[in-house]
Each structure stands twice: as C-alpha cells, then as structure tokens.
Amino acid sequence: MLRGFVYSEIIPTDAGETSTPTLKSDLVLTSILVEANGAVFWRTTMSDAVFIAQNEQQEGPYSKDQLRELLASGKVTTSTLCWYAGLSEWGEIQNIFPDLQPAAVPPALASVPPSTQTQGGRVTMEILKTEFYTMPKICIENAEVVIEAGAMHYMQGTIEIDSKMRSVGGMLKSKLSGEKMVRPRYRGTGKVYLEPTFGEVTILDLESESWILDRGAFLACEPTVAIGAVTNKALTGLFGGEGLVQTGVSGHGKVMVLSPGPIERIELVNDVLVVDGSFAVARTDGLQYKLEKATKGLFSSFTSGEGWVNTFRGTGSVLIAPVPNRFITLQLEFGGLRNMIRSISKS
C-alpha cells in the first residue's frame, strides 16, 4: 500500500495500459506513474495540492491560496500539520510554507468622534488642577463651544461670543430651574478658561445618549450636544432638592459637569438606588426619579430617623458626589459662621 501520496485521480489499469486521469483545471501539476498493489496511479508532485490534518482526519487537497485563506479565517493555524507529494513526512504549516504566515492586520485608525469636530474644527477640553482650586480650559480650533453664562474667566485668541435669548417658554423654565436664560456660544480659534472652582469638574462623554443634570452642574459642552429642560413632578421637584426643572443634555459629544466633590458612578440594572440627600449630580434619562418616604409608616419614619429620600429605578447610570471636598466643606462652614455673626450683629 502507498502512504502519503496525493492523487488527482486513482484509476486501476490492465497490464501495460494506463488510463489518463482528468486533472483539476486550477492546479498546475506534474504527474508521474506509481505502481502499488497491482494498480497504476497518477501522483501529483507539486505543492499546490496540500493536505492538512484536522481533528484526526485528513482534509484536502488545497492550493496554497486556499491554504492562505484558511489561515486568514482562523480555521487552521500555522502549527497545523500539512503534507504534499514530495515531502518525506508531515510538518507544520509555518515550517513547510514560511511564506504563508498570515499577514499582520494593520491597527485600525483611531476614529475621531464627530463631537470633537465642528465644520472642520476641533474642540479640546482640559481640567487644570492646582493644590487649592480647579480651572476648566477649553481649546477651540475653527470651532465653537457652548458655555454656561457667566462661567468664562478669560480667553485668548480670535473668538466671537454669540448670545441668543431663549424663547418665552425657555425663559420661564430657566426661571423655575434657576439655570441661566442664555448660554452663549464661543466661536473661532483660541483658548477659553472658565472660572476657578473649589469643586470638582468632570468631563462626561456622551455617545448618542441622554443625561439629566443637577441644578448648577452644567458648565460647557460641544455644539453637537443638544441642551434642553426636563420637568420633574411637583412633589419631587419641590422637596427632592433637584428643582422642578433640570437641565437635559443629549447627543454625541463632551459635557463639562461641576460637582461639590469627587464623582462616583453607579450602574443600575433593573435596580433601585436610594439617596438620602441631594448629592446626585446626574442620571441617564431612562431612569425613573422619584421622591419617596424612607419607610412605610409615619411612626417608622420618626423612629428610623429617615424621612424623605430620592429614589432612582430602572437601568442606567447615576453620578453622585456623596462627600464634598475639603474646600467646599470649609466654604460651607465659614459661610454658616458668617451668617451667624451677621444675624447676631443685627439683633
């Protein structure tokens, strides 16, 4: 018996007569006659008819191009055993065909989110931190950025400020929410520095999503971010500490968010988050926000020491700042002391 040979076709013959096999048109083969067990065979001697060993079975024949495709698709590896006529034994593909090493896939170019570019321009947001304060910095290159009214500290470059008044409805919502009625757009090329703050500044990167921000949390955003107003229920808005109307941001781009302390992000998956206080800085739009009693009964609320709490239900994200940083804490303490002295002096 003949072992390890590749045949384009096996045809037994009578003595001295050989039948010519039909060869595959996609293989350029050189054939020789081999006699074994009383039969004559055509044997291919080119490496364009390759057999491989897969799952303890022999597969093939394959051309080198087909073998290259198998390597690229991951169906075989460079350590897979292969053989073709003319080889004395089976060997790994990487040793038999060094030129068939799969080409390295070039790294994908880092895509620039559409939010960072506006009409061929670019917006870059940065947070400058010192030992005592934080200062947001925004660089625009032939672009524009939306900034909270009164938040600009100073700017450098060729920049124009466009301040458009809101509609009557927008002005009314701004009055109720305590937000500024005008959010100017800064256009051109240069650097804009926002007012220093003792609080924390976080850059929120929106990817086709909607967020609802706490009152006073909005600082700036890219022009691809839509800014609106979200109305809370009367009871929740009045006593929940978030206000009747909050700022909503949606779309794709970066948003600068101000908070009294370090941000902690909590992910909810069909879950409930209970917050005793108004330190929730932002939440995704899909969450249900409601003001509820901490306990079921009035007596239980009295004995537990917990009254009304803010609850967030559903699936989404909540940004909270549970602990104000030391500078905000000192500011609050000295502010309370100043008010106390002022009230004593008036009495």
Protein backbone atom coordinates (compact mmCIF):
# COMPACT_ATOMS: atom_id res chain seq x y z
CA MET A 1 0.00 0.00 0.00
CA LEU A 2 1.17 3.50 -0.85
CA ARG A 3 1.16 6.02 2.01
CA GLY A 4 1.30 9.79 1.97
CA PHE A 5 0.81 10.42 -1.74
CA VAL A 6 -1.66 12.86 -3.24
CA TYR A 7 -3.64 11.68 -6.21
CA SER A 8 -5.58 13.76 -8.67
CA GLU A 9 -7.41 10.59 -9.60
CA ILE A 10 -6.88 6.87 -8.92
CA ILE A 11 -7.51 4.56 -11.86
CA PRO A 12 -6.67 0.80 -11.83
CA THR A 13 -5.40 -0.43 -15.22
CA ASP A 14 -4.91 -3.63 -17.04
CA ALA A 15 -1.38 -4.86 -17.63
CA GLY A 16 0.60 -2.33 -19.59
CA GLU A 17 -2.31 0.04 -20.13
CA THR A 18 -2.78 3.24 -18.27
CA SER A 19 -5.89 5.37 -18.23
CA THR A 20 -5.22 9.11 -18.24
CA PRO A 21 -6.92 10.90 -15.32
CA THR A 22 -8.76 14.19 -15.62
CA LEU A 23 -6.84 16.83 -13.67
CA LYS A 24 -8.38 19.81 -11.90
CA SER A 25 -8.10 22.93 -14.02
CA ASP A 26 -6.97 25.14 -11.11
CA LEU A 27 -3.88 23.02 -10.39
CA VAL A 28 -0.73 23.08 -12.46
CA LEU A 29 0.53 19.57 -11.84
CA THR A 30 3.42 17.40 -12.88
CA SER A 31 2.40 13.72 -12.72
CA ILE A 32 4.30 10.51 -12.60
CA LEU A 33 3.13 6.92 -12.65
CA VAL A 34 3.41 4.88 -9.50
CA GLU A 35 2.58 1.23 -9.19
CA ALA A 36 1.24 -0.16 -5.93
CA ASN A 37 -0.76 -3.25 -5.11
CA GLY A 38 -1.04 -4.13 -8.77
CA ALA A 39 -2.54 -0.80 -9.83
CA VAL A 40 -1.05 2.21 -11.56
CA PHE A 41 -1.68 5.66 -10.15
CA TRP A 42 -1.06 9.24 -11.22
CA ARG A 43 0.72 11.07 -8.44
CA THR A 44 0.96 14.86 -8.19
CA THR A 45 4.37 16.18 -7.28
CA MET A 46 3.62 19.92 -6.87
CA SER A 47 2.95 21.69 -3.58
CA ASP A 48 -0.26 23.21 -4.98
CA ALA A 49 -2.14 20.15 -3.75
CA VAL A 50 -1.75 20.25 0.01
CA PHE A 51 -3.39 18.01 2.58
CA ILE A 52 -3.87 19.05 6.20
CA ALA A 53 -4.58 17.09 9.37
CA GLN A 54 -7.64 18.41 11.20
CA ASN A 55 -9.45 16.69 14.08
CA GLU A 56 -7.58 13.44 13.42
CA GLN A 57 -8.75 13.48 9.81
CA GLN A 58 -7.06 14.27 6.53
CA GLU A 59 -8.58 17.14 4.54
CA GLY A 60 -7.78 18.47 1.10
CA PRO A 61 -6.26 18.85 -1.31
CA TYR A 62 -5.93 22.64 -1.08
CA SER A 63 -3.99 25.08 -3.19
CA LYS A 64 -1.62 27.49 -1.47
CA ASP A 65 -4.09 30.32 -2.00
CA GLN A 66 -6.83 28.27 -0.35
CA LEU A 67 -4.49 27.45 2.50
CA ARG A 68 -3.73 31.15 2.91
CA GLU A 69 -7.48 31.86 3.15
CA LEU A 70 -7.89 29.15 5.79
CA LEU A 71 -5.12 30.76 7.83
CA ALA A 72 -6.66 34.20 7.49
CA SER A 73 -10.08 32.93 8.58
CA GLY A 74 -8.64 31.14 11.60
CA LYS A 75 -9.88 27.71 10.52
CA VAL A 76 -6.30 26.46 10.63
CA THR A 77 -3.20 27.75 12.40
CA THR A 78 0.45 27.89 11.48
CA SER A 79 1.02 24.86 13.72
CA THR A 80 -1.47 22.71 11.77
CA LEU A 81 0.19 19.67 10.16
CA CYS A 82 0.30 19.56 6.37
CA TRP A 83 1.77 17.45 3.59
CA TYR A 84 2.08 17.35 -0.18
CA ALA A 85 3.64 14.91 -2.63
CA GLY A 86 7.39 15.00 -2.48
CA LEU A 87 7.66 15.51 1.28
CA SER A 88 9.04 12.66 3.33
CA GLU A 89 6.81 13.41 6.33
CA TRP A 90 4.12 15.72 7.68
CA GLY A 91 5.16 19.09 9.07
CA GLU A 92 3.71 22.30 10.47
CA ILE A 93 2.49 24.90 8.00
CA GLN A 94 4.87 27.52 9.39
CA ASN A 95 7.83 25.23 8.61
CA ILE A 96 6.63 23.90 5.26
CA PHE A 97 5.36 27.24 3.93
CA PRO A 98 7.20 30.10 5.66
CA ASP A 99 5.73 32.48 3.06
CA LEU A 100 2.19 31.64 4.19
CA GLN A 101 2.48 33.35 7.57
CA PRO A 102 -0.77 35.34 7.98
CA ALA A 103 -0.17 39.00 7.34
CA ALA A 104 -0.45 41.14 10.43
CA VAL A 105 -3.69 43.06 10.46
CA PRO A 106 -2.84 46.76 10.44
CA PRO A 107 -4.16 48.53 13.54
CA ALA A 108 -7.41 50.33 12.94
CA LEU A 109 -7.07 54.05 12.77
CA ALA A 110 -8.47 55.70 15.86
CA SER A 111 -11.75 57.21 14.79
CA VAL A 112 -12.33 60.77 15.85
CA PRO A 113 -15.83 61.11 17.33
CA PRO A 114 -17.92 63.58 15.37
CA SER A 115 -18.40 65.53 18.58
CA THR A 116 -14.78 66.67 18.64
CA GLN A 117 -15.02 68.33 15.25
CA THR A 118 -17.30 71.07 14.01
CA GLN A 119 -17.16 72.19 10.39
CA GLY A 120 -13.57 71.06 10.08
CA GLY A 121 -12.66 72.44 13.52
CA ARG A 122 -11.77 70.81 16.79
CA VAL A 123 -12.74 71.19 20.45
CA THR A 124 -10.44 70.05 23.27
CA MET A 125 -11.49 70.10 26.92
CA GLU A 126 -8.98 70.02 29.76
CA ILE A 127 -9.11 70.33 33.56
CA LEU A 128 -6.26 72.25 35.19
CA LYS A 129 -5.77 71.31 38.84
CA THR A 130 -3.71 73.07 41.48
CA GLU A 131 -3.35 72.41 45.19
CA PHE A 132 -6.22 74.72 46.02
CA TYR A 133 -8.55 75.06 43.03
CA THR A 134 -9.62 73.60 39.68
CA MET A 135 -9.86 75.56 36.43
CA PRO A 136 -11.55 74.20 33.28
CA LYS A 137 -9.80 75.01 30.00
CA ILE A 138 -11.32 74.69 26.51
CA CYS A 139 -9.32 74.99 23.27
CA ILE A 140 -11.18 75.58 20.00
CA GLU A 141 -9.66 75.42 16.53
CA ASN A 142 -12.02 76.91 13.96
CA ALA A 143 -14.87 75.56 16.05
CA GLU A 144 -17.37 76.56 18.72
CA VAL A 145 -18.34 75.57 22.24
CA VAL A 146 -21.38 76.26 24.43
CA ILE A 147 -20.56 77.67 27.88
CA GLU A 148 -22.78 78.47 30.86
CA ALA A 149 -23.46 82.18 31.11
CA GLY A 150 -21.02 83.92 33.44
CA ALA A 151 -18.69 80.91 33.61
CA MET A 152 -15.96 82.39 31.39
CA HIS A 153 -12.94 83.68 33.35
CA TYR A 154 -10.72 84.87 30.50
CA MET A 155 -9.93 83.89 26.92
CA GLN A 156 -7.15 84.21 24.39
CA GLY A 157 -7.33 84.20 20.60
CA THR A 158 -9.75 85.21 17.86
CA ILE A 159 -13.06 84.27 19.45
CA GLU A 160 -16.55 85.70 18.97
CA ILE A 161 -19.35 85.33 21.51
CA ASP A 162 -22.88 84.72 20.27
CA SER A 163 -25.58 85.15 22.92
CA LYS A 164 -29.11 84.44 21.76
CA MET A 165 -32.10 84.81 24.02
CA ARG A 166 -34.30 81.79 24.55
CA SER A 167 -37.95 81.62 23.67
CA VAL A 168 -40.58 82.75 26.18
CA GLY A 169 -41.14 79.13 27.25
CA GLY A 170 -37.42 78.58 27.64
CA MET A 171 -37.07 81.73 29.71
CA LEU A 172 -39.88 80.59 32.02
CA LYS A 173 -38.27 77.17 32.51
CA SER A 174 -34.92 78.82 33.21
CA LYS A 175 -36.56 80.98 35.86
CA LEU A 176 -38.09 77.94 37.54
CA SER A 177 -34.93 75.83 37.38
CA GLY A 178 -32.53 78.54 38.44
CA GLU A 179 -30.47 77.97 35.28
CA LYS A 180 -29.17 80.84 33.15
CA MET A 181 -31.52 82.05 30.44
CA VAL A 182 -28.68 82.47 27.94
CA ARG A 183 -25.87 80.00 27.19
CA PRO A 184 -23.50 81.81 24.82
CA ARG A 185 -21.58 80.12 22.02
CA TYR A 186 -17.88 80.88 21.64
CA ARG A 187 -16.70 80.61 18.01
CA GLY A 188 -13.26 80.89 16.47
CA THR A 189 -9.77 79.80 17.39
CA GLY A 190 -8.24 80.21 20.81
CA LYS A 191 -8.41 79.22 24.47
CA VAL A 192 -11.24 79.81 26.93
CA TYR A 193 -10.60 79.48 30.66
CA LEU A 194 -13.61 79.06 32.93
CA GLU A 195 -13.85 80.44 36.44
CA PRO A 196 -11.75 78.60 39.04
CA THR A 197 -13.74 76.50 41.46
CA PHE A 198 -13.17 74.73 44.75
CA GLY A 199 -15.42 71.93 43.49
CA GLU A 200 -14.71 69.06 41.12
CA VAL A 201 -15.06 69.17 37.33
CA THR A 202 -15.81 66.01 35.35
CA ILE A 203 -15.91 65.56 31.57
CA LEU A 204 -18.88 63.43 30.56
CA ASP A 205 -18.55 61.83 27.12
CA LEU A 206 -21.95 61.31 25.51
CA GLU A 207 -22.34 58.62 22.87
CA SER A 208 -25.84 59.01 21.46
CA GLU A 209 -27.35 59.11 24.95
CA SER A 210 -29.31 61.47 27.18
CA TRP A 211 -28.45 62.69 30.67
CA ILE A 212 -30.27 64.84 33.20
CA LEU A 213 -28.02 67.16 35.22
CA ASP A 214 -28.49 68.59 38.69
CA ARG A 215 -29.17 72.28 39.04
CA GLY A 216 -25.94 74.24 38.53
CA ALA A 217 -23.99 71.19 37.32
CA PHE A 218 -23.72 72.24 33.67
CA LEU A 219 -20.55 74.13 32.71
CA ALA A 220 -19.92 73.65 28.98
CA CYS A 221 -20.48 71.29 26.08
CA GLU A 222 -19.62 70.75 22.46
CA PRO A 223 -22.08 72.08 19.85
CA THR A 224 -23.15 68.56 18.86
CA VAL A 225 -24.78 68.19 22.28
CA ALA A 226 -28.40 69.31 22.49
CA ILE A 227 -29.38 71.20 25.65
CA GLY A 228 -32.95 71.15 26.95
CA ALA A 229 -35.07 71.25 30.07
CA VAL A 230 -36.59 68.30 31.94
CA THR A 231 -39.59 68.86 34.21
CA ASN A 232 -39.90 66.86 37.43
CA LYS A 233 -43.11 66.12 39.26
CA ALA A 234 -44.22 68.87 41.64
CA LEU A 235 -43.58 67.00 44.91
CA THR A 236 -40.28 65.57 43.71
CA GLY A 237 -39.09 68.88 42.36
CA LEU A 238 -40.04 70.97 45.39
CA PHE A 239 -38.80 68.68 48.15
CA GLY A 240 -36.27 66.42 46.42
CA GLY A 241 -33.63 69.11 46.19
CA GLU A 242 -33.30 68.79 42.41
CA GLY A 243 -35.75 71.52 41.43
CA LEU A 244 -38.87 71.48 39.27
CA VAL A 245 -36.88 71.82 36.05
CA GLN A 246 -33.45 70.30 35.40
CA THR A 247 -31.02 70.59 32.52
CA GLY A 248 -31.06 67.78 29.95
CA VAL A 249 -28.19 67.05 27.56
CA SER A 250 -28.32 64.56 24.71
CA GLY A 251 -26.50 63.56 21.56
CA HIS A 252 -22.83 62.92 20.94
CA GLY A 253 -20.02 64.92 22.49
CA LYS A 254 -18.35 66.08 25.67
CA VAL A 255 -20.03 67.87 28.57
CA MET A 256 -18.26 69.55 31.49
CA VAL A 257 -20.05 68.86 34.77
CA LEU A 258 -19.47 70.65 38.09
CA SER A 259 -19.93 68.83 41.41
CA PRO A 260 -19.16 69.67 45.06
CA GLY A 261 -16.96 66.60 45.48
CA PRO A 262 -15.42 63.60 43.72
CA ILE A 263 -17.79 61.78 41.38
CA GLU A 264 -18.81 58.17 41.92
CA ARG A 265 -20.59 56.40 39.05
CA ILE A 266 -23.21 53.81 39.96
CA GLU A 267 -24.60 51.44 37.34
CA LEU A 268 -28.14 50.12 37.79
CA VAL A 269 -29.57 47.09 36.01
CA ASN A 270 -33.25 46.79 36.92
CA ASP A 271 -32.23 48.01 40.35
CA VAL A 272 -33.07 50.76 42.84
CA LEU A 273 -30.74 53.42 44.25
CA VAL A 274 -31.87 55.31 47.37
CA VAL A 275 -30.13 58.62 48.12
CA ASP A 276 -30.69 60.46 51.39
CA GLY A 277 -29.82 63.96 50.24
CA SER A 278 -29.45 65.97 47.07
CA PHE A 279 -25.97 64.88 46.07
CA ALA A 280 -26.97 63.09 42.84
CA VAL A 281 -25.19 65.13 40.17
CA ALA A 282 -26.53 63.46 37.02
CA ARG A 283 -28.52 60.47 35.80
CA THR A 284 -29.31 58.86 32.47
CA ASP A 285 -32.67 59.76 31.02
CA GLY A 286 -34.08 56.23 31.17
CA LEU A 287 -34.11 56.08 34.97
CA GLN A 288 -37.24 56.88 36.97
CA TYR A 289 -36.58 59.58 39.57
CA LYS A 290 -39.00 59.98 42.48
CA LEU A 291 -39.19 61.38 46.00
CA GLU A 292 -40.41 58.77 48.48
CA LYS A 293 -40.66 58.14 52.20
CA ALA A 294 -37.84 56.03 53.55
CA THR A 295 -40.27 53.80 55.49
CA LYS A 296 -43.89 52.87 55.00
CA GLY A 297 -45.41 54.27 58.17
CA LEU A 298 -45.20 57.72 59.75
CA PHE A 299 -44.11 56.25 63.11
CA SER A 300 -41.43 54.16 61.37
CA SER A 301 -40.10 57.28 59.65
CA PHE A 302 -39.92 59.05 63.01
CA THR A 303 -38.14 56.20 64.81
CA SER A 304 -35.73 55.41 61.97
CA GLY A 305 -34.59 59.00 61.67
CA GLU A 306 -35.08 58.85 57.91
CA GLY A 307 -37.74 60.97 56.25
CA TRP A 308 -37.94 61.56 52.51
CA VAL A 309 -35.35 60.08 50.16
CA ASN A 310 -34.60 60.31 46.45
CA THR A 311 -35.00 57.03 44.57
CA PHE A 312 -33.75 56.07 41.12
CA ARG A 313 -35.28 52.98 39.49
CA GLY A 314 -34.55 51.07 36.32
CA THR A 315 -31.49 50.53 34.19
CA GLY A 316 -28.94 53.27 33.69
CA SER A 317 -26.20 55.29 35.36
CA VAL A 318 -26.19 57.76 38.27
CA LEU A 319 -23.35 60.13 39.12
CA ILE A 320 -23.22 61.04 42.80
CA ALA A 321 -20.89 63.21 44.88
CA PRO A 322 -21.54 61.81 48.37
CA VAL A 323 -18.74 63.74 50.08
CA PRO A 324 -17.89 67.40 49.36
CA ASN A 325 -14.18 68.06 49.08
CA ARG A 326 -12.39 69.86 51.88
CA PHE A 327 -12.54 73.30 50.27
CA ILE A 328 -16.29 73.15 49.70
CA THR A 329 -16.71 71.94 53.28
CA LEU A 330 -14.68 74.87 54.62
CA GLN A 331 -16.60 77.25 52.41
CA LEU A 332 -19.91 75.98 53.77
CA GLU A 333 -18.69 76.11 57.35
CA PHE A 334 -17.34 79.66 57.07
CA GLY A 335 -20.44 80.70 55.17
CA GLY A 336 -22.62 79.48 58.03
CA LEU A 337 -20.37 81.19 60.58
CA ARG A 338 -20.57 84.46 58.66
CA ASN A 339 -24.36 84.32 58.54
CA MET A 340 -24.45 83.59 62.27
CA ILE A 341 -22.25 86.60 63.06
CA ARG A 342 -24.35 88.76 60.77
CA SER A 343 -27.59 87.73 62.47
CA ILE A 344 -26.09 88.34 65.95
CA SER A 345 -24.90 91.82 64.95
CA LYS A 346 -28.38 92.74 63.73
CA SER A 347 -30.09 91.64 66.96
